[in-house]
Structure formats: structure tokens, C-alpha cells
């Protein structure tokens, strides 16, 4: 059986209607022990030791290696993995947002329905479902999106989280200090020639 995995990334900062890419951070050559901003800076630079420190061990988040677990259980495991990485990087946990859960799930539905693994699936711009979820109804906000899909073991929580952590723009979203809320959706369906792709959408947000 062919196993495939793909990643997608979009980071958008919008404040009073303006957009910008997330800034890059500098790094040093050594990592201090324990949690904190030094680990975050090193991880953002791609330091392998720091990235390993951000990956939750098997007993910290249940169900991370089981692609046959119930969808809700896998989504909970992904939330656990994201927040484990943030805490190890000295960042606060992200709060689960019903609106962002909804926007992420609707985006996943678009991707499968139109068979387009894209931030603009079905011809809708990146912020379409954020707006529909009424998440952008404030004068100042941040929004970000991570996408991934895989088959078999490449679609598990652990595999997807590892891929996101090892991709510079994805981990900028995961470790974005500007975010304080997130929403996660997993849908399983036909995509890219696979009949049972595990499609992950992670939405990030903040209201100033």
C-alpha cells in the first residue's frame, strides 16, 4: 500500500486589516536545560535537540500512534501534542475555541469535497471560514493555518506533529507567541488518490 504525506502552511497576521508574514527568530549555539524561550528560539531555528524536546513522549498524550482511534480521541491527542510543545518552549497553552474548531472542520470539508489540498480549496481564500465563524469580528486579530494529510502511519497524530515541527513555517505557527486559541479538525476521506487520507487542519487565532 502506498503511503503518502503532504504539508501545507499559511501564516497570516492581520491587525486593523493589514497582513504580514511571521518574523524569523535568531538562535544561539547551545540549549539550556528545562523549558523556556531559549528552547523556543532553538526550535524555531531547526535545532534537532530542541525539536526532540518539544515532542511529547508516548505516555504524555494518549492515542498519538493509532490511526484507527475515534476521530475525537485523535483530535484530543493532537491538542495535547500542540500544547505540550508550547509548554516545553516556555509558552502558555492554547485554549480550545469552538469557533476555530468549526472553521478548521469546514476547511477540512472543503479540501475533501473539492479534492484540493490547498489553503484556497474550493476557490475560497484562507480567511473564508474564519470570517464565517465570526472569529474576525474585532478590530485587531491574528490568524494562522496549518494543513497536513497522510495515509497509514503517516497520518497519525505523532507523524503529523513531527512533520509540522520539522517544517519552519509550520512550527512558527505552533510556537507563535501571538496566538492564544486554536481549533483542530481531523477528517478521513478520499484525497490525492487515496481513499482514506487522514486530513488535519489546525487553526490558530488571537483577539487583541
N, C-alpha and C. Protein backbone atom coordinates (compact mmCIF):
# COMPACT_ATOMS: atom_id res chain seq x y z
N UNK A 1 0.84 -1.19 0.00
CA UNK A 1 0.00 0.00 0.00
C UNK A 1 0.88 1.25 0.00
N UNK A 2 0.56 2.18 -0.85
CA UNK A 2 1.36 3.40 -0.95
C UNK A 2 1.04 4.32 0.22
N UNK A 3 2.05 4.82 0.86
CA UNK A 3 1.88 5.74 1.98
C UNK A 3 2.34 7.12 1.56
N UNK A 4 1.53 8.09 1.83
CA UNK A 4 1.87 9.44 1.42
C UNK A 4 1.63 10.42 2.54
N UNK A 5 2.33 11.52 2.48
CA UNK A 5 2.14 12.59 3.46
C UNK A 5 2.44 13.91 2.79
N UNK A 6 1.61 14.89 3.07
CA UNK A 6 1.79 16.22 2.50
C UNK A 6 1.54 17.26 3.57
N UNK A 7 2.20 18.40 3.43
CA UNK A 7 2.04 19.51 4.37
C UNK A 7 1.63 20.76 3.63
N UNK A 8 0.92 21.61 4.32
CA UNK A 8 0.59 22.93 3.78
C UNK A 8 0.72 23.95 4.89
N UNK A 9 1.06 25.17 4.56
CA UNK A 9 1.27 26.19 5.59
C UNK A 9 0.76 27.54 5.12
N UNK A 10 0.14 28.23 6.02
CA UNK A 10 -0.16 29.64 5.77
C UNK A 10 -0.17 30.35 7.10
N UNK A 11 0.60 31.40 7.20
CA UNK A 11 0.62 32.23 8.39
C UNK A 11 0.19 33.63 8.00
N UNK A 12 -0.84 34.13 8.61
CA UNK A 12 -1.30 35.47 8.31
C UNK A 12 -1.45 36.26 9.59
N UNK A 13 -0.84 37.40 9.63
CA UNK A 13 -1.02 38.34 10.73
C UNK A 13 -1.88 39.48 10.20
N UNK A 14 -2.98 39.70 10.83
CA UNK A 14 -3.84 40.79 10.37
C UNK A 14 -4.17 41.68 11.56
N UNK A 15 -3.80 42.92 11.49
CA UNK A 15 -4.08 43.90 12.52
C UNK A 15 -4.67 45.12 11.83
N UNK A 16 -5.91 45.42 12.15
CA UNK A 16 -6.58 46.54 11.53
C UNK A 16 -6.55 46.42 10.01
N UNK A 17 -6.70 45.20 9.54
CA UNK A 17 -6.79 44.96 8.10
C UNK A 17 -5.47 44.80 7.39
N UNK A 18 -4.33 44.83 8.11
CA UNK A 18 -3.03 44.68 7.48
C UNK A 18 -2.52 43.26 7.65
N UNK A 19 -1.74 42.78 6.68
CA UNK A 19 -1.21 41.41 6.75
C UNK A 19 0.30 41.42 6.63
N UNK A 20 0.93 40.44 7.27
CA UNK A 20 2.39 40.33 7.22
C UNK A 20 2.80 38.91 7.53
N UNK A 21 3.94 38.48 7.04
CA UNK A 21 4.48 37.18 7.39
C UNK A 21 5.04 37.22 8.79
N UNK A 22 5.05 36.06 9.45
CA UNK A 22 5.62 35.99 10.79
C UNK A 22 7.13 36.21 10.72
N UNK A 23 7.72 36.92 11.68
CA UNK A 23 9.16 37.18 11.65
C UNK A 23 9.98 35.96 12.04
N UNK A 24 11.19 35.88 11.52
CA UNK A 24 12.11 34.82 11.90
C UNK A 24 12.83 35.21 13.19
N UNK A 25 13.24 34.23 13.97
CA UNK A 25 13.93 34.48 15.22
C UNK A 25 15.38 34.01 15.11
N UNK A 26 16.25 34.68 15.83
CA UNK A 26 17.66 34.27 15.84
C UNK A 26 17.86 33.17 16.87
N UNK A 27 19.03 32.56 16.85
CA UNK A 27 19.30 31.45 17.75
C UNK A 27 20.73 31.50 18.25
N UNK A 28 21.00 30.69 19.26
CA UNK A 28 22.37 30.56 19.78
C UNK A 28 22.82 29.12 19.57
N UNK A 29 24.03 28.82 19.96
CA UNK A 29 24.59 27.50 19.65
C UNK A 29 24.40 26.47 20.74
N UNK A 30 23.84 26.86 21.87
CA UNK A 30 23.67 25.91 22.97
C UNK A 30 22.26 26.02 23.53
N UNK A 31 21.81 24.95 24.15
CA UNK A 31 20.47 24.93 24.71
C UNK A 31 20.56 24.72 26.21
N UNK A 32 19.87 25.56 26.96
CA UNK A 32 19.86 25.39 28.40
C UNK A 32 18.91 24.26 28.76
N UNK A 33 19.06 23.69 29.95
CA UNK A 33 18.17 22.62 30.38
C UNK A 33 16.83 23.20 30.80
N UNK A 34 15.79 22.39 30.66
CA UNK A 34 14.46 22.83 31.08
C UNK A 34 13.72 23.60 30.02
N UNK A 35 12.54 24.07 30.39
CA UNK A 35 11.68 24.79 29.46
C UNK A 35 12.10 26.24 29.36
N UNK A 36 11.65 26.90 28.29
CA UNK A 36 11.89 28.33 28.23
C UNK A 36 12.10 28.86 26.83
N UNK A 37 12.28 30.19 26.76
CA UNK A 37 12.41 30.85 25.47
C UNK A 37 13.64 30.43 24.68
N UNK A 38 14.71 29.99 25.37
CA UNK A 38 15.89 29.56 24.63
C UNK A 38 15.59 28.32 23.81
N UNK A 39 14.81 27.39 24.38
CA UNK A 39 14.42 26.20 23.64
C UNK A 39 13.54 26.60 22.46
N UNK A 40 12.65 27.55 22.68
CA UNK A 40 11.78 28.00 21.59
C UNK A 40 12.60 28.58 20.44
N UNK A 41 13.57 29.45 20.77
CA UNK A 41 14.40 30.06 19.73
C UNK A 41 15.19 29.00 18.97
N UNK A 42 15.72 28.04 19.70
CA UNK A 42 16.49 26.98 19.05
C UNK A 42 15.59 26.11 18.18
N UNK A 43 14.41 25.81 18.68
CA UNK A 43 13.47 25.00 17.89
C UNK A 43 13.07 25.73 16.61
N UNK A 44 12.81 27.01 16.72
CA UNK A 44 12.43 27.78 15.54
C UNK A 44 13.56 27.82 14.51
N UNK A 45 14.79 27.68 14.97
CA UNK A 45 15.94 27.67 14.06
C UNK A 45 16.20 26.28 13.48
N UNK A 46 15.47 25.28 13.99
CA UNK A 46 15.64 23.92 13.48
C UNK A 46 16.59 23.05 14.27
N UNK A 47 17.01 23.47 15.46
CA UNK A 47 17.90 22.68 16.29
C UNK A 47 17.24 21.34 16.64
N UNK A 48 17.90 20.24 16.29
CA UNK A 48 17.28 18.92 16.44
C UNK A 48 17.04 18.54 17.89
N UNK A 49 17.98 18.89 18.76
CA UNK A 49 17.80 18.58 20.18
C UNK A 49 16.59 19.31 20.74
N UNK A 50 16.44 20.57 20.37
CA UNK A 50 15.28 21.34 20.83
C UNK A 50 13.98 20.76 20.27
N UNK A 51 13.99 20.36 19.01
CA UNK A 51 12.78 19.79 18.41
C UNK A 51 12.39 18.49 19.09
N UNK A 52 13.38 17.68 19.45
CA UNK A 52 13.08 16.44 20.18
C UNK A 52 12.46 16.75 21.54
N UNK A 53 12.90 17.83 22.16
CA UNK A 53 12.37 18.19 23.48
C UNK A 53 10.91 18.62 23.40
N UNK A 54 10.47 19.07 22.22
CA UNK A 54 9.10 19.54 22.07
C UNK A 54 8.12 18.43 21.72
N UNK A 55 8.64 17.26 21.39
CA UNK A 55 7.78 16.13 21.02
C UNK A 55 7.37 15.36 22.27
N UNK A 56 6.09 15.27 22.53
CA UNK A 56 5.60 14.60 23.73
C UNK A 56 5.95 13.12 23.72
N UNK A 57 6.45 12.58 24.85
CA UNK A 57 6.70 11.14 24.92
C UNK A 57 5.38 10.37 24.86
N UNK A 58 5.48 9.08 24.61
CA UNK A 58 4.30 8.27 24.37
C UNK A 58 3.27 8.26 25.48
N UNK A 59 3.71 8.43 26.73
CA UNK A 59 2.76 8.35 27.85
C UNK A 59 2.17 9.71 28.21
N UNK A 60 2.52 10.76 27.46
CA UNK A 60 2.01 12.10 27.79
C UNK A 60 0.70 12.41 27.08
N UNK A 61 0.53 11.93 25.87
CA UNK A 61 -0.68 12.19 25.09
C UNK A 61 -1.16 10.86 24.51
N UNK A 62 -2.32 10.41 24.93
CA UNK A 62 -2.83 9.10 24.55
C UNK A 62 -3.34 9.09 23.11
N UNK A 63 -3.09 7.99 22.43
CA UNK A 63 -3.65 7.78 21.10
C UNK A 63 -2.90 8.42 19.96
N UNK A 64 -1.67 8.84 20.18
CA UNK A 64 -0.95 9.57 19.14
C UNK A 64 -0.45 8.68 18.01
N UNK A 65 -0.45 7.37 18.22
CA UNK A 65 0.07 6.45 17.21
C UNK A 65 -1.00 5.54 16.60
N UNK A 66 -2.25 5.80 16.92
CA UNK A 66 -3.33 4.92 16.48
C UNK A 66 -4.23 5.62 15.47
N UNK A 67 -4.04 5.34 14.17
CA UNK A 67 -4.88 6.00 13.16
C UNK A 67 -6.31 5.47 13.13
N UNK A 68 -6.58 4.40 13.89
CA UNK A 68 -7.92 3.83 13.93
C UNK A 68 -8.70 4.25 15.17
N UNK A 69 -8.10 5.07 16.01
CA UNK A 69 -8.80 5.57 17.19
C UNK A 69 -9.95 6.46 16.75
N UNK A 70 -10.97 6.64 17.59
CA UNK A 70 -12.06 7.56 17.22
C UNK A 70 -11.53 8.94 16.88
N UNK A 71 -12.19 9.61 15.94
CA UNK A 71 -11.76 10.94 15.49
C UNK A 71 -11.57 11.88 16.66
N UNK A 72 -12.55 11.92 17.56
CA UNK A 72 -12.48 12.83 18.71
C UNK A 72 -11.25 12.55 19.56
N UNK A 73 -10.91 11.28 19.72
CA UNK A 73 -9.74 10.91 20.53
C UNK A 73 -8.46 11.37 19.86
N UNK A 74 -8.39 11.25 18.52
CA UNK A 74 -7.20 11.70 17.81
C UNK A 74 -7.07 13.23 17.85
N UNK A 75 -8.20 13.93 17.74
CA UNK A 75 -8.16 15.40 17.84
C UNK A 75 -7.70 15.84 19.22
N UNK A 76 -8.17 15.15 20.26
CA UNK A 76 -7.74 15.46 21.63
C UNK A 76 -6.24 15.21 21.78
N UNK A 77 -5.76 14.13 21.18
CA UNK A 77 -4.33 13.82 21.24
C UNK A 77 -3.51 14.90 20.55
N UNK A 78 -4.02 15.42 19.42
CA UNK A 78 -3.29 16.48 18.72
C UNK A 78 -3.27 17.76 19.56
N UNK A 79 -4.37 18.09 20.19
CA UNK A 79 -4.39 19.25 21.08
C UNK A 79 -3.34 19.09 22.17
N UNK A 80 -3.25 17.89 22.72
CA UNK A 80 -2.26 17.60 23.76
C UNK A 80 -0.84 17.78 23.23
N UNK A 81 -0.57 17.28 22.03
CA UNK A 81 0.78 17.39 21.46
C UNK A 81 1.16 18.85 21.21
N UNK A 82 0.21 19.62 20.67
CA UNK A 82 0.48 21.04 20.39
C UNK A 82 0.80 21.77 21.69
N UNK A 83 -0.02 21.56 22.71
CA UNK A 83 0.19 22.29 23.96
C UNK A 83 1.41 21.78 24.73
N UNK A 84 1.76 20.50 24.57
CA UNK A 84 2.99 20.00 25.18
C UNK A 84 4.19 20.75 24.59
N UNK A 85 4.21 20.87 23.26
CA UNK A 85 5.32 21.56 22.60
C UNK A 85 5.41 23.01 23.06
N UNK A 86 4.27 23.67 23.17
CA UNK A 86 4.27 25.07 23.58
C UNK A 86 4.77 25.23 25.02
N UNK A 87 4.32 24.35 25.90
CA UNK A 87 4.78 24.45 27.29
C UNK A 87 6.27 24.20 27.41
N UNK A 88 6.78 23.23 26.66
CA UNK A 88 8.22 22.97 26.70
C UNK A 88 9.00 24.17 26.16
N UNK A 89 8.38 24.93 25.27
CA UNK A 89 9.03 26.11 24.70
C UNK A 89 8.80 27.35 25.55
N UNK A 90 8.21 27.18 26.73
CA UNK A 90 8.00 28.31 27.62
C UNK A 90 6.81 29.17 27.26
N UNK A 91 5.89 28.63 26.47
CA UNK A 91 4.71 29.38 26.05
C UNK A 91 3.47 28.87 26.79
N UNK A 92 2.46 29.72 26.94
CA UNK A 92 1.22 29.24 27.56
C UNK A 92 0.47 28.30 26.62
N UNK A 93 -0.35 27.45 27.21
CA UNK A 93 -1.21 26.58 26.41
C UNK A 93 -2.18 27.41 25.59
N UNK A 94 -2.60 26.85 24.47
CA UNK A 94 -3.67 27.45 23.68
C UNK A 94 -5.01 26.94 24.19
N UNK A 95 -5.98 27.83 24.25
CA UNK A 95 -7.32 27.45 24.66
C UNK A 95 -8.10 26.93 23.45
N UNK A 96 -8.87 25.88 23.66
CA UNK A 96 -9.69 25.34 22.58
C UNK A 96 -10.83 26.31 22.30
N UNK A 97 -10.97 26.70 21.05
CA UNK A 97 -12.01 27.64 20.63
C UNK A 97 -13.04 26.91 19.77
N UNK A 98 -14.30 26.97 20.16
CA UNK A 98 -15.34 26.32 19.36
C UNK A 98 -15.42 26.93 17.96
N UNK A 99 -15.23 28.24 17.88
CA UNK A 99 -15.29 28.88 16.57
C UNK A 99 -14.15 28.42 15.68
N UNK A 100 -12.96 28.27 16.25
CA UNK A 100 -11.83 27.79 15.45
C UNK A 100 -11.93 26.30 15.16
N UNK A 101 -12.52 25.53 16.07
CA UNK A 101 -12.81 24.12 15.76
C UNK A 101 -13.73 24.06 14.55
N UNK A 102 -14.74 24.93 14.54
CA UNK A 102 -15.68 24.94 13.43
C UNK A 102 -15.06 25.39 12.13
N UNK A 103 -14.23 26.44 12.19
CA UNK A 103 -13.60 26.92 10.95
C UNK A 103 -12.63 25.88 10.41
N UNK A 104 -11.90 25.20 11.29
CA UNK A 104 -10.97 24.16 10.85
C UNK A 104 -11.73 23.00 10.21
N UNK A 105 -12.85 22.61 10.81
CA UNK A 105 -13.61 21.48 10.28
C UNK A 105 -14.24 21.82 8.93
N UNK A 106 -14.73 23.04 8.79
CA UNK A 106 -15.29 23.44 7.50
C UNK A 106 -14.22 23.51 6.41
N UNK A 107 -13.01 23.94 6.81
CA UNK A 107 -11.91 23.97 5.84
C UNK A 107 -11.56 22.55 5.40
N UNK A 108 -11.53 21.62 6.36
CA UNK A 108 -11.24 20.23 6.03
C UNK A 108 -12.30 19.68 5.07
N UNK A 109 -13.54 20.03 5.32
CA UNK A 109 -14.62 19.58 4.44
C UNK A 109 -14.44 20.11 3.03
N UNK A 110 -14.04 21.37 2.90
CA UNK A 110 -13.78 21.95 1.58
C UNK A 110 -12.68 21.18 0.84
N UNK A 111 -11.59 20.90 1.55
CA UNK A 111 -10.45 20.23 0.92
C UNK A 111 -10.85 18.87 0.38
N UNK A 112 -11.62 18.11 1.17
CA UNK A 112 -12.05 16.79 0.72
C UNK A 112 -13.10 16.89 -0.38
N UNK A 113 -14.04 17.81 -0.23
CA UNK A 113 -15.12 17.93 -1.21
C UNK A 113 -14.58 18.31 -2.59
N UNK A 114 -13.62 19.23 -2.63
CA UNK A 114 -13.07 19.69 -3.90
C UNK A 114 -11.79 18.96 -4.29
N UNK A 115 -11.35 18.04 -3.42
CA UNK A 115 -10.11 17.29 -3.67
C UNK A 115 -8.97 18.24 -4.01
N UNK A 116 -8.85 19.29 -3.19
CA UNK A 116 -7.81 20.30 -3.38
C UNK A 116 -7.09 20.53 -2.05
N UNK A 117 -5.87 20.03 -1.96
CA UNK A 117 -5.09 20.25 -0.75
C UNK A 117 -4.44 21.62 -0.86
N UNK A 118 -5.19 22.61 -0.44
CA UNK A 118 -4.77 24.00 -0.66
C UNK A 118 -5.37 24.89 0.41
N UNK A 119 -4.66 25.98 0.71
CA UNK A 119 -5.21 26.99 1.62
C UNK A 119 -6.37 27.74 0.98
N UNK A 120 -6.53 27.57 -0.31
CA UNK A 120 -7.63 28.22 -1.02
C UNK A 120 -8.53 27.17 -1.68
N UNK A 121 -8.76 26.07 -0.99
CA UNK A 121 -9.59 24.99 -1.51
C UNK A 121 -10.98 25.51 -1.89
N UNK A 122 -11.49 24.97 -2.97
CA UNK A 122 -12.82 25.34 -3.49
C UNK A 122 -12.91 26.81 -3.87
N UNK A 123 -11.77 27.45 -4.12
CA UNK A 123 -11.76 28.84 -4.54
C UNK A 123 -12.01 29.83 -3.43
N UNK A 124 -11.94 29.38 -2.18
CA UNK A 124 -12.18 30.26 -1.04
C UNK A 124 -10.86 30.68 -0.42
N UNK A 125 -10.70 31.94 -0.12
CA UNK A 125 -9.44 32.42 0.44
C UNK A 125 -9.22 31.86 1.84
N UNK A 126 -8.01 31.97 2.29
CA UNK A 126 -7.57 31.41 3.57
C UNK A 126 -8.47 31.80 4.73
N UNK A 127 -8.96 33.03 4.75
CA UNK A 127 -9.72 33.52 5.89
C UNK A 127 -11.24 33.29 5.78
N UNK A 128 -11.67 32.63 4.71
CA UNK A 128 -13.11 32.48 4.47
C UNK A 128 -13.83 31.89 5.67
N UNK A 129 -13.35 30.76 6.18
CA UNK A 129 -14.07 30.09 7.28
C UNK A 129 -13.83 30.77 8.62
N UNK A 130 -12.72 31.49 8.78
CA UNK A 130 -12.54 32.32 9.97
C UNK A 130 -13.65 33.38 10.02
N UNK A 131 -13.90 33.99 8.85
CA UNK A 131 -14.96 35.00 8.80
C UNK A 131 -16.33 34.39 9.05
N UNK A 132 -16.62 33.25 8.43
CA UNK A 132 -17.92 32.61 8.59
C UNK A 132 -18.16 32.21 10.05
N UNK A 133 -17.07 31.90 10.75
CA UNK A 133 -17.19 31.53 12.17
C UNK A 133 -17.28 32.75 13.07
N UNK A 134 -17.30 33.94 12.46
CA UNK A 134 -17.36 35.22 13.19
C UNK A 134 -16.15 35.41 14.09
N UNK A 135 -15.02 34.79 13.68
CA UNK A 135 -13.81 34.95 14.50
C UNK A 135 -13.12 36.28 14.26
N UNK A 136 -13.36 36.89 13.13
CA UNK A 136 -12.65 38.12 12.77
C UNK A 136 -13.46 39.37 13.06
N UNK A 137 -14.50 39.21 13.87
CA UNK A 137 -15.36 40.36 14.19
C UNK A 137 -14.78 41.20 15.31
N UNK A 138 -13.55 41.60 15.16
CA UNK A 138 -12.90 42.51 16.12
C UNK A 138 -11.95 43.40 15.33
N UNK A 139 -11.52 44.47 15.92
CA UNK A 139 -10.69 45.44 15.20
C UNK A 139 -9.26 44.95 15.02
N UNK A 140 -8.86 43.99 15.82
CA UNK A 140 -7.46 43.54 15.78
C UNK A 140 -7.43 42.04 16.03
N UNK A 141 -6.79 41.29 15.11
CA UNK A 141 -6.75 39.85 15.27
C UNK A 141 -5.54 39.26 14.56
N UNK A 142 -5.21 38.05 14.97
CA UNK A 142 -4.18 37.25 14.31
C UNK A 142 -4.84 35.94 13.88
N UNK A 143 -4.40 35.37 12.77
CA UNK A 143 -4.92 34.09 12.32
C UNK A 143 -3.84 33.31 11.61
N UNK A 144 -3.84 31.99 11.80
CA UNK A 144 -2.87 31.13 11.13
C UNK A 144 -3.48 29.78 10.84
N UNK A 145 -2.90 29.07 9.90
CA UNK A 145 -3.44 27.77 9.48
C UNK A 145 -2.32 26.81 9.14
N UNK A 146 -2.38 25.60 9.68
CA UNK A 146 -1.50 24.50 9.29
C UNK A 146 -2.35 23.40 8.69
N UNK A 147 -1.89 22.81 7.60
CA UNK A 147 -2.56 21.69 6.96
C UNK A 147 -1.59 20.52 6.84
N UNK A 148 -2.14 19.32 6.86
CA UNK A 148 -1.34 18.13 6.59
C UNK A 148 -2.27 16.98 6.26
N UNK A 149 -1.80 16.06 5.42
CA UNK A 149 -2.53 14.81 5.27
C UNK A 149 -1.56 13.68 5.01
N UNK A 150 -1.97 12.50 5.43
CA UNK A 150 -1.14 11.33 5.25
C UNK A 150 -1.99 10.08 5.28
N UNK A 151 -1.40 8.96 4.87
CA UNK A 151 -2.09 7.68 4.89
C UNK A 151 -1.35 6.72 5.81
N UNK A 152 -2.11 5.78 6.39
CA UNK A 152 -1.50 4.82 7.29
C UNK A 152 -0.78 5.49 8.45
N UNK A 153 0.41 5.00 8.80
CA UNK A 153 1.14 5.58 9.93
C UNK A 153 1.57 7.03 9.70
N UNK A 154 1.60 7.48 8.44
CA UNK A 154 1.98 8.86 8.17
C UNK A 154 0.86 9.85 8.46
N UNK A 155 -0.34 9.33 8.76
CA UNK A 155 -1.44 10.21 9.09
C UNK A 155 -1.75 10.29 10.56
N UNK A 156 -0.93 9.62 11.39
CA UNK A 156 -1.18 9.63 12.83
C UNK A 156 -0.83 10.99 13.44
N UNK A 157 -1.32 11.19 14.64
CA UNK A 157 -1.04 12.43 15.37
C UNK A 157 0.47 12.65 15.47
N UNK A 158 1.19 11.63 15.90
CA UNK A 158 2.64 11.79 16.10
C UNK A 158 3.35 12.12 14.79
N UNK A 159 3.00 11.43 13.72
CA UNK A 159 3.67 11.66 12.44
C UNK A 159 3.41 13.07 11.92
N UNK A 160 2.17 13.51 12.02
CA UNK A 160 1.83 14.84 11.54
C UNK A 160 2.49 15.92 12.40
N UNK A 161 2.45 15.73 13.71
CA UNK A 161 3.08 16.72 14.59
C UNK A 161 4.58 16.79 14.34
N UNK A 162 5.21 15.63 14.15
CA UNK A 162 6.65 15.62 13.86
C UNK A 162 6.94 16.36 12.56
N UNK A 163 6.10 16.13 11.55
CA UNK A 163 6.30 16.82 10.26
C UNK A 163 6.12 18.32 10.43
N UNK A 164 5.12 18.74 11.17
CA UNK A 164 4.91 20.17 11.40
C UNK A 164 6.09 20.79 12.14
N UNK A 165 6.58 20.09 13.17
CA UNK A 165 7.70 20.63 13.95
C UNK A 165 8.96 20.76 13.10
N UNK A 166 9.14 19.88 12.12
CA UNK A 166 10.35 19.91 11.30
C UNK A 166 10.21 20.77 10.05
N UNK A 167 9.11 21.48 9.95
CA UNK A 167 8.91 22.42 8.85
C UNK A 167 8.91 23.83 9.40
N UNK A 168 9.86 24.68 9.01
CA UNK A 168 9.99 26.01 9.62
C UNK A 168 8.71 26.82 9.69
N UNK A 169 7.95 27.00 8.62
CA UNK A 169 6.75 27.84 8.75
C UNK A 169 5.67 27.20 9.61
N UNK A 170 5.59 25.86 9.61
CA UNK A 170 4.58 25.20 10.45
C UNK A 170 4.89 25.39 11.93
N UNK A 171 6.16 25.24 12.29
CA UNK A 171 6.47 25.38 13.70
C UNK A 171 6.39 26.84 14.15
N UNK A 172 6.50 27.79 13.22
CA UNK A 172 6.28 29.19 13.59
C UNK A 172 4.84 29.39 14.05
N UNK A 173 3.91 28.70 13.41
CA UNK A 173 2.53 28.76 13.87
C UNK A 173 2.37 28.03 15.21
N UNK A 174 2.91 26.82 15.29
CA UNK A 174 2.78 26.04 16.52
C UNK A 174 3.36 26.76 17.72
N UNK A 175 4.46 27.48 17.51
CA UNK A 175 5.15 28.17 18.60
C UNK A 175 4.96 29.68 18.53
N UNK A 176 3.89 30.10 17.88
CA UNK A 176 3.63 31.53 17.77
C UNK A 176 3.19 32.13 19.10
N UNK A 177 3.98 33.05 19.62
CA UNK A 177 3.65 33.69 20.90
C UNK A 177 2.43 34.59 20.78
N UNK A 178 2.07 34.96 19.56
CA UNK A 178 0.92 35.84 19.36
C UNK A 178 -0.41 35.12 19.53
N UNK A 179 -0.41 33.79 19.43
CA UNK A 179 -1.66 33.05 19.50
C UNK A 179 -2.04 32.66 20.92
N UNK A 180 -3.33 32.62 21.21
CA UNK A 180 -3.78 32.11 22.50
C UNK A 180 -4.96 31.15 22.37
N UNK A 181 -5.44 30.91 21.14
CA UNK A 181 -6.53 29.98 20.90
C UNK A 181 -6.23 29.13 19.68
N UNK A 182 -6.86 27.96 19.64
CA UNK A 182 -6.72 27.12 18.46
C UNK A 182 -7.94 26.25 18.26
N UNK A 183 -8.04 25.69 17.06
CA UNK A 183 -9.07 24.72 16.72
C UNK A 183 -8.45 23.66 15.84
N UNK A 184 -8.86 22.42 16.03
CA UNK A 184 -8.28 21.30 15.29
C UNK A 184 -9.39 20.45 14.70
N UNK A 185 -9.18 20.01 13.46
CA UNK A 185 -10.12 19.09 12.83
C UNK A 185 -9.36 17.98 12.13
N UNK A 186 -9.87 16.77 12.29
CA UNK A 186 -9.39 15.61 11.54
C UNK A 186 -10.57 15.05 10.76
N UNK A 187 -10.39 14.90 9.46
CA UNK A 187 -11.37 14.22 8.63
C UNK A 187 -10.66 13.14 7.83
N UNK A 188 -11.33 12.02 7.65
CA UNK A 188 -10.77 10.90 6.90
C UNK A 188 -11.63 10.70 5.66
N UNK A 189 -10.99 10.71 4.49
CA UNK A 189 -11.74 10.56 3.25
C UNK A 189 -10.83 10.53 2.04
N UNK A 190 -11.41 10.51 0.85
CA UNK A 190 -10.60 10.45 -0.39
C UNK A 190 -9.91 11.77 -0.67
N UNK A 191 -8.62 11.69 -0.94
CA UNK A 191 -7.83 12.88 -1.23
C UNK A 191 -6.55 12.47 -1.94
N UNK A 192 -6.24 13.15 -3.03
CA UNK A 192 -4.97 12.92 -3.72
C UNK A 192 -4.74 11.50 -4.17
N UNK A 193 -5.80 10.78 -4.52
CA UNK A 193 -5.65 9.41 -4.97
C UNK A 193 -5.76 8.38 -3.88
N UNK A 194 -5.83 8.81 -2.63
CA UNK A 194 -6.00 7.89 -1.51
C UNK A 194 -7.47 7.86 -1.10
N UNK A 195 -7.96 6.68 -0.77
CA UNK A 195 -9.37 6.55 -0.39
C UNK A 195 -9.60 6.85 1.08
N UNK A 196 -8.53 6.84 1.88
CA UNK A 196 -8.69 7.05 3.32
C UNK A 196 -7.58 7.93 3.88
N UNK A 197 -7.46 9.11 3.31
CA UNK A 197 -6.46 10.07 3.79
C UNK A 197 -6.88 10.64 5.13
N UNK A 198 -5.93 10.79 6.03
CA UNK A 198 -6.15 11.49 7.29
C UNK A 198 -5.77 12.96 7.05
N UNK A 199 -6.77 13.81 7.00
CA UNK A 199 -6.55 15.23 6.73
C UNK A 199 -6.66 16.03 8.01
N UNK A 200 -5.59 16.77 8.32
CA UNK A 200 -5.54 17.58 9.54
C UNK A 200 -5.56 19.05 9.19
N UNK A 201 -6.38 19.81 9.91
CA UNK A 201 -6.40 21.27 9.80
C UNK A 201 -6.28 21.84 11.20
N UNK A 202 -5.31 22.72 11.39
CA UNK A 202 -5.08 23.38 12.68
C UNK A 202 -5.20 24.89 12.47
N UNK A 203 -6.20 25.50 13.09
CA UNK A 203 -6.38 26.94 13.02
C UNK A 203 -5.91 27.59 14.32
N UNK A 204 -5.23 28.71 14.17
CA UNK A 204 -4.70 29.47 15.31
C UNK A 204 -5.30 30.87 15.29
N UNK A 205 -5.50 31.44 16.47
CA UNK A 205 -6.06 32.78 16.48
C UNK A 205 -5.79 33.54 17.77
N UNK A 206 -6.05 34.84 17.68
CA UNK A 206 -5.91 35.73 18.84
C UNK A 206 -6.71 37.00 18.58
N UNK A 207 -7.40 37.49 19.59
CA UNK A 207 -8.04 38.78 19.54
C UNK A 207 -7.28 39.75 20.43
N UNK A 208 -6.86 40.87 19.87
CA UNK A 208 -6.05 41.83 20.61
C UNK A 208 -6.90 42.55 21.68
